[in-house]
C-alpha atoms as a PDB file:
ATOM      1  CA  MET A   1       3.752 -13.591  -5.637  1.00  0.00           C
ATOM      2  CA  GLU A   2       2.889 -10.158  -7.048  1.00  0.00           C
ATOM      3  CA  GLU A   3       5.104  -7.480  -7.708  1.00  0.00           C
ATOM      4  CA  LEU A   4       3.520  -4.108  -7.520  1.00  0.00           C
ATOM      5  CA  SER A   5       5.251  -0.474  -8.206  1.00  0.00           C
ATOM      6  CA  TYR A   6       4.618   2.073  -5.510  1.00  0.00           C
ATOM      7  CA  GLU A   7       2.249   3.890  -7.962  1.00  0.00           C
ATOM      8  CA  GLN A   8       0.095   0.536  -8.551  1.00  0.00           C
ATOM      9  CA  ALA A   9      -0.109  -0.344  -4.727  1.00  0.00           C
ATOM     10  CA  ARG A  10      -1.007   3.357  -3.927  1.00  0.00           C
ATOM     11  CA  ALA A  11      -3.701   3.537  -6.845  1.00  0.00           C
ATOM     12  CA  GLU A  12      -5.281   0.187  -5.498  1.00  0.00           C
ATOM     13  CA  LEU A  13      -5.208   1.158  -1.868  1.00  0.00           C
ATOM     14  CA  ALA A  14      -7.253   4.510  -3.104  1.00  0.00           C
ATOM     15  CA  GLY A  15      -9.390   2.375  -4.703  1.00  0.00           C
ATOM     16  CA  VAL A  16      -9.953  -0.041  -1.798  1.00  0.00           C
ATOM     17  CA  VAL A  17     -10.603   2.818   0.565  1.00  0.00           C
ATOM     18  CA  GLU A  18     -13.167   4.248  -1.965  1.00  0.00           C
ATOM     19  CA  LYS A  19     -14.890   1.076  -1.779  1.00  0.00           C
ATOM     20  CA  LEU A  20     -14.995   0.757   2.075  1.00  0.00           C
ATOM     21  CA  GLU A  21     -16.047   4.460   2.819  1.00  0.00           C
ATOM     22  CA  ALA A  22     -18.735   3.718  -0.104  1.00  0.00           C
ATOM     23  CA  GLY A  23     -20.291   1.062   2.052  1.00  0.00           C
ATOM     24  CA  GLY A  24     -22.775  -1.694   0.896  1.00  0.00           C
ATOM     25  CA  ALA A  25     -20.323  -4.254   0.877  1.00  0.00           C
ATOM     26  CA  THR A  26     -21.178  -7.516   2.697  1.00  0.00           C
ATOM     27  CA  LEU A  27     -18.869  -8.284   5.969  1.00  0.00           C
ATOM     28  CA  GLU A  28     -17.071 -10.835   4.063  1.00  0.00           C
ATOM     29  CA  GLU A  29     -16.454  -8.583   1.219  1.00  0.00           C
ATOM     30  CA  SER A  30     -15.283  -5.650   3.645  1.00  0.00           C
ATOM     31  CA  LEU A  31     -13.278  -8.021   5.533  1.00  0.00           C
ATOM     32  CA  ALA A  32     -11.488  -9.222   2.095  1.00  0.00           C
ATOM     33  CA  LEU A  33     -11.263  -5.300   1.107  1.00  0.00           C
ATOM     34  CA  TRP A  34      -9.491  -4.696   4.222  1.00  0.00           C
ATOM     35  CA  GLU A  35      -6.719  -7.240   4.410  1.00  0.00           C
ATOM     36  CA  ARG A  36      -6.124  -6.585   0.557  1.00  0.00           C
ATOM     37  CA  GLY A  37      -5.800  -2.913   1.847  1.00  0.00           C
ATOM     38  CA  GLU A  38      -3.082  -4.057   4.899  1.00  0.00           C
ATOM     39  CA  HIS A  39      -1.501  -5.686   2.075  1.00  0.00           C
ATOM     40  CA  LEU A  40      -0.934  -2.542  -0.354  1.00  0.00           C
ATOM     41  CA  ALA A  41      -0.205  -0.359   2.470  1.00  0.00           C
ATOM     42  CA  SER A  42       2.813  -2.838   3.512  1.00  0.00           C
ATOM     43  CA  VAL A  43       3.807  -2.599  -0.252  1.00  0.00           C
ATOM     44  CA  CYS A  44       3.875   1.016  -0.173  1.00  0.00           C
ATOM     45  CA  GLN A  45       5.619   1.375   3.005  1.00  0.00           C
ATOM     46  CA  ARG A  46       8.230  -1.322   1.939  1.00  0.00           C
ATOM     47  CA  TRP A  47       8.912   1.197  -1.201  1.00  0.00           C
ATOM     48  CA  LEU A  48       8.878   4.365   0.791  1.00  0.00           C
ATOM     49  CA  ASP A  49      11.146   2.620   3.399  1.00  0.00           C
ATOM     50  CA  GLY A  50      13.394   1.387   0.631  1.00  0.00           C
ATOM     51  CA  ALA A  51      13.508   4.708  -0.799  1.00  0.00           C
ATOM     52  CA  ARG A  52      14.595   6.423   2.245  1.00  0.00           C
ATOM     53  CA  ALA A  53      17.382   3.901   3.029  1.00  0.00           C
ATOM     54  CA  ARG A  54      18.433   5.264  -0.255  1.00  0.00           C
ATOM     55  CA  LEU A  55      18.624   8.829   0.573  1.00  0.00           C
ATOM     56  CA  ASP A  56      20.194   8.101   3.829  1.00  0.00           C
ATOM     57  CA  ALA A  57      22.718   6.179   1.636  1.00  0.00           C
ATOM     58  CA  ALA A  58      23.411   8.812  -0.804  1.00  0.00           C
ATOM     59  CA  THR A  59      23.583  12.049   1.784  1.00  0.00           C
ATOM     60  CA  SER A  60      25.864  10.048   4.234  1.00  0.00           C
ATOM     61  CA  THR A  61      29.079  11.784   4.888  1.00  0.00           C
ATOM     62  CA  ASP A  62      30.926   8.571   6.715  1.00  0.00           C
END
């Protein structure tokens, strides 16, 4: 299983979006790009959720 940093996933996601917006890909290529984009967006969200949890824990006044 691949282990991407937030920055790696975000950069690749930006590239996927550019390719999709540029058009010209076949339906199969577009679907593969979309699926990869969904995966990368999920990776980014997990990183952001983890960062939020750490910030919340650090600022908690329990």
